[in-house]
Amino acid sequence: MAAQTLKIWRGIHPLIKVAMGVIAIAVLGFVIWAAAPLFYDRQVDEDFPLVSAPAGPEVESDAVVAPMVEPATDEPEAVAAPVEAQPEAQPAAPAAAPTAAADVVATSVPTEPIVLRSGNFTHIDALHSAEGTATLYELPDGTRILRLEDFQSTNGPDLFIGLSGHPMPRSSAELHDQGYIELERLRGNQGNQNYVIPPDLDLSLFQSVTIYCRAFGTMFSSAAFDT
């Protein structure tokens, strides 16, 4: 059997042998790329972004400026000429007291991050699962972020984090059939991390956060929003 196989191999054209070798190397490289992430973890640990609230409008000062007083001199004061008596002027009407609304500028700008929506990651099967929380925040400056906390997922190739209109997608079809937006490549399968939400994105259209393998069209986990 071995001798027959060797004879067949010797009869193959050299260019075909080269092509077969290139294909074998490419297949081996793809297998290593796809399988290697299953045997190690990528850990990140990002702090919660600290953003100050926008500065409010400037308020004019109520301080009273004292009039300038000319320095005293030794020259005698000039005596003013007598002035004929004038009819007594009527007192002016008192000025209206300033209202509180005029002194204080009302503002609704938040000074702390606001939780918009949140959910927990779920288990799909032995090779595809995650745990931890996914929370949408609005920061004081209006920026919106998706933050993963206490996050841990099985690792895999070509993983992306996104938002889906499906509350708990378990397949590529479910992920896309009610709307899906891909945010970024997943930075790590462990640890706290932040992802910026596009400012013009309507979050009411989405029901879950997803971890998705784009290369193989496979769902790794999802977190349905419960708020």
Protein backbone atom coordinates (compact mmCIF):
# COMPACT_ATOMS: atom_id res chain seq x y z
CA MET A 1 0.00 0.00 0.00
CA ALA A 2 2.77 2.39 0.94
CA ALA A 3 4.73 1.50 -2.19
CA GLN A 4 1.70 2.15 -4.36
CA THR A 5 1.11 5.52 -2.69
CA LEU A 6 4.74 6.48 -3.19
CA LYS A 7 4.49 5.51 -6.84
CA ILE A 8 1.41 7.69 -7.30
CA TRP A 9 3.16 10.60 -5.55
CA ARG A 10 6.18 10.30 -7.84
CA GLY A 11 3.89 10.42 -10.85
CA ILE A 12 2.34 13.75 -9.85
CA HIS A 13 3.56 16.83 -11.71
CA PRO A 14 5.94 19.01 -9.60
CA LEU A 15 3.73 22.10 -9.95
CA ILE A 16 0.78 20.15 -8.60
CA LYS A 17 2.93 19.04 -5.66
CA VAL A 18 3.80 22.69 -4.93
CA ALA A 19 0.14 23.70 -5.09
CA MET A 20 -0.81 20.86 -2.74
CA GLY A 21 1.90 21.95 -0.32
CA VAL A 22 0.68 25.57 -0.33
CA ILE A 23 -2.90 24.44 0.27
CA ALA A 24 -1.80 22.17 3.14
CA ILE A 25 0.10 25.02 4.81
CA ALA A 26 -2.87 27.38 4.41
CA VAL A 27 -5.28 24.84 5.90
CA LEU A 28 -2.93 24.16 8.80
CA GLY A 29 -2.57 27.90 9.47
CA PHE A 30 -6.34 28.38 9.43
CA VAL A 31 -6.85 25.49 11.86
CA ILE A 32 -4.27 26.93 14.24
CA TRP A 33 -5.83 30.44 13.99
CA ALA A 34 -9.31 29.07 14.66
CA ALA A 35 -8.42 26.67 17.45
CA ALA A 36 -5.67 28.54 19.31
CA PRO A 37 -7.97 31.04 21.13
CA LEU A 38 -9.73 28.11 22.80
CA PHE A 39 -6.55 27.42 24.79
CA TYR A 40 -5.74 30.90 26.15
CA ASP A 41 -7.50 33.98 27.54
CA ARG A 42 -7.17 37.67 26.67
CA GLN A 43 -7.67 39.78 29.77
CA VAL A 44 -8.28 43.54 29.91
CA ASP A 45 -9.18 45.83 32.79
CA GLU A 46 -10.41 49.29 31.80
CA ASP A 47 -11.50 51.87 34.37
CA PHE A 48 -14.87 53.55 34.16
CA PRO A 49 -14.39 56.70 32.05
CA LEU A 50 -14.39 59.85 34.16
CA VAL A 51 -16.00 62.78 32.36
CA SER A 52 -16.88 66.09 34.00
CA ALA A 53 -20.24 67.74 33.46
CA PRO A 54 -20.27 70.72 31.06
CA ALA A 55 -19.63 74.08 32.71
CA GLY A 56 -22.80 76.10 33.38
CA PRO A 57 -23.39 79.68 32.21
CA GLU A 58 -21.48 82.43 33.94
CA VAL A 59 -23.45 84.33 36.59
CA GLU A 60 -22.89 88.05 36.96
CA SER A 61 -21.57 89.15 40.31
CA ASP A 62 -23.84 91.16 42.67
CA ALA A 63 -20.90 92.95 44.31
CA VAL A 64 -21.35 96.73 44.69
CA VAL A 65 -18.48 98.85 43.43
CA ALA A 66 -17.74 101.80 45.73
CA PRO A 67 -17.45 105.22 44.02
CA MET A 68 -14.02 106.75 43.75
CA VAL A 69 -13.25 109.41 46.37
CA GLU A 70 -10.96 112.27 45.42
CA PRO A 71 -8.08 112.86 47.81
CA ALA A 72 -8.47 115.72 50.29
CA THR A 73 -6.57 119.02 49.68
CA ASP A 74 -5.70 122.03 51.87
CA GLU A 75 -7.44 124.50 49.57
CA PRO A 76 -10.65 126.00 50.92
CA GLU A 77 -13.84 124.66 49.48
CA ALA A 78 -15.66 126.94 47.07
CA VAL A 79 -18.96 128.25 48.36
CA ALA A 80 -21.81 127.41 46.02
CA ALA A 81 -24.15 130.17 44.97
CA PRO A 82 -27.58 130.03 46.56
CA VAL A 83 -30.08 128.06 44.52
CA GLU A 84 -33.68 128.99 44.28
CA ALA A 85 -36.10 126.55 45.83
CA GLN A 86 -37.52 124.10 43.34
CA PRO A 87 -40.82 122.26 43.64
CA GLU A 88 -40.42 119.02 45.51
CA ALA A 89 -40.09 116.10 43.08
CA GLN A 90 -42.36 113.12 43.44
CA PRO A 91 -40.55 110.02 44.74
CA ALA A 92 -39.80 107.44 42.06
CA ALA A 93 -41.62 104.13 42.15
CA PRO A 94 -39.58 101.43 43.87
CA ALA A 95 -37.85 99.01 41.48
CA ALA A 96 -39.29 95.54 41.31
CA ALA A 97 -37.37 93.04 43.42
CA PRO A 98 -35.45 90.49 41.34
CA THR A 99 -37.07 87.10 41.23
CA ALA A 100 -35.36 83.87 42.16
CA ALA A 101 -35.66 82.68 38.55
CA ALA A 102 -33.60 85.65 37.41
CA ASP A 103 -30.84 84.95 39.93
CA VAL A 104 -30.61 81.18 39.53
CA VAL A 105 -30.26 79.50 36.15
CA ALA A 106 -32.08 76.21 36.22
CA THR A 107 -30.20 73.33 34.65
CA SER A 108 -30.93 69.66 33.96
CA VAL A 109 -27.37 68.63 33.08
CA PRO A 110 -26.57 65.44 35.04
CA THR A 111 -23.41 65.30 37.13
CA GLU A 112 -23.28 61.49 37.41
CA PRO A 113 -23.47 58.69 34.80
CA ILE A 114 -27.03 57.53 34.07
CA VAL A 115 -27.84 53.84 33.58
CA LEU A 116 -29.92 53.49 30.42
CA ARG A 117 -30.27 49.70 30.15
CA SER A 118 -28.58 46.62 31.59
CA GLY A 119 -28.51 42.83 31.26
CA ASN A 120 -26.58 39.66 32.13
CA PHE A 121 -24.75 37.37 29.70
CA THR A 122 -26.04 33.82 29.26
CA HIS A 123 -24.87 30.28 28.52
CA ILE A 124 -25.48 28.77 25.06
CA ASP A 125 -23.53 25.50 25.16
CA ALA A 126 -20.28 24.01 26.43
CA LEU A 127 -18.14 25.95 23.93
CA HIS A 128 -20.16 29.17 23.72
CA SER A 129 -21.01 31.01 26.93
CA ALA A 130 -20.27 34.14 28.92
CA GLU A 131 -21.06 35.70 32.28
CA GLY A 132 -21.05 39.21 33.70
CA THR A 133 -23.12 42.33 33.11
CA ALA A 134 -23.50 44.61 30.09
CA THR A 135 -24.69 48.13 30.92
CA LEU A 136 -25.47 51.12 28.71
CA TYR A 137 -24.48 54.41 30.36
CA GLU A 138 -24.94 58.05 29.43
CA LEU A 139 -22.05 60.14 30.75
CA PRO A 140 -22.41 63.76 31.97
CA ASP A 141 -21.05 65.09 28.67
CA GLY A 142 -23.71 63.21 26.68
CA THR A 143 -21.42 60.40 25.49
CA ARG A 144 -22.97 56.92 25.65
CA ILE A 145 -20.93 53.81 26.37
CA LEU A 146 -21.46 50.08 26.70
CA ARG A 147 -19.54 48.77 29.70
CA LEU A 148 -18.84 45.10 30.44
CA GLU A 149 -18.21 44.35 34.10
CA ASP A 150 -17.09 41.10 35.75
CA PHE A 151 -17.04 39.80 32.18
CA GLN A 152 -15.77 36.34 31.28
CA SER A 153 -16.41 34.45 28.05
CA THR A 154 -15.07 31.40 26.28
CA ASN A 155 -12.49 32.65 23.84
CA GLY A 156 -12.67 32.26 20.09
CA PRO A 157 -11.48 33.68 16.77
CA ASP A 158 -12.85 36.85 15.21
CA LEU A 159 -15.13 37.80 18.12
CA PHE A 160 -17.14 41.03 17.88
CA ILE A 161 -19.42 42.82 20.33
CA GLY A 162 -22.65 44.32 19.04
CA LEU A 163 -26.31 45.11 19.65
CA SER A 164 -29.23 43.05 18.34
CA GLY A 165 -32.96 43.69 18.03
CA HIS A 166 -33.53 40.09 19.12
CA PRO A 167 -33.73 39.73 22.93
CA MET A 168 -31.76 36.46 23.06
CA PRO A 169 -30.28 35.39 19.68
CA ARG A 170 -28.89 31.87 19.51
CA SER A 171 -27.97 31.77 15.81
CA SER A 172 -26.69 34.06 13.10
CA ALA A 173 -30.19 34.25 11.60
CA GLU A 174 -31.74 35.35 14.90
CA LEU A 175 -28.93 37.85 15.39
CA HIS A 176 -29.65 39.62 12.11
CA ASP A 177 -33.36 39.19 11.46
CA GLN A 178 -34.48 41.96 13.87
CA GLY A 179 -31.61 44.37 13.27
CA TYR A 180 -27.96 44.16 14.27
CA ILE A 181 -25.11 46.65 14.61
CA GLU A 182 -21.50 45.63 15.13
CA LEU A 183 -19.65 47.93 17.52
CA GLU A 184 -16.03 46.75 17.76
CA ARG A 185 -13.83 43.70 17.87
CA LEU A 186 -13.97 42.22 21.37
CA ARG A 187 -10.83 43.44 23.16
CA GLY A 188 -10.65 40.54 25.58
CA ASN A 189 -12.67 37.58 26.75
CA GLN A 190 -12.08 38.54 30.39
CA GLY A 191 -12.24 41.76 32.37
CA ASN A 192 -13.98 45.14 32.50
CA GLN A 193 -14.09 47.08 29.22
CA ASN A 194 -15.79 50.07 27.57
CA TYR A 195 -17.20 50.52 24.05
CA VAL A 196 -18.46 53.86 22.68
CA ILE A 197 -22.00 53.92 21.27
CA PRO A 198 -22.51 55.98 18.06
CA PRO A 199 -24.20 59.26 19.05
CA ASP A 200 -26.98 58.97 16.46
CA LEU A 201 -27.89 55.34 17.25
CA ASP A 202 -31.49 54.76 18.42
CA LEU A 203 -31.02 52.39 21.36
CA SER A 204 -34.75 51.66 21.59
CA LEU A 205 -34.36 49.44 18.50
CA PHE A 206 -32.08 46.95 20.30
CA GLN A 207 -32.89 44.36 22.94
CA SER A 208 -29.56 42.68 23.72
CA VAL A 209 -25.78 42.85 23.71
CA THR A 210 -24.12 40.09 21.68
CA ILE A 211 -20.76 38.30 21.42
CA TYR A 212 -20.50 36.95 17.87
CA CYS A 213 -17.86 35.05 15.90
CA ARG A 214 -17.99 36.70 12.49
CA ALA A 215 -15.69 34.22 10.74
CA PHE A 216 -17.90 31.20 11.49
CA GLY A 217 -21.25 32.97 11.96
CA THR A 218 -21.56 31.61 15.51
CA MET A 219 -23.15 33.15 18.58
CA PHE A 220 -21.03 32.94 21.73
CA SER A 221 -23.42 34.70 24.14
CA SER A 222 -25.98 37.45 24.54
CA ALA A 223 -27.23 39.66 27.37
CA ALA A 224 -30.91 40.60 27.18
CA PHE A 225 -31.73 44.04 28.55
CA ASP A 226 -33.92 43.80 31.64
CA THR A 227 -34.38 47.55 32.13
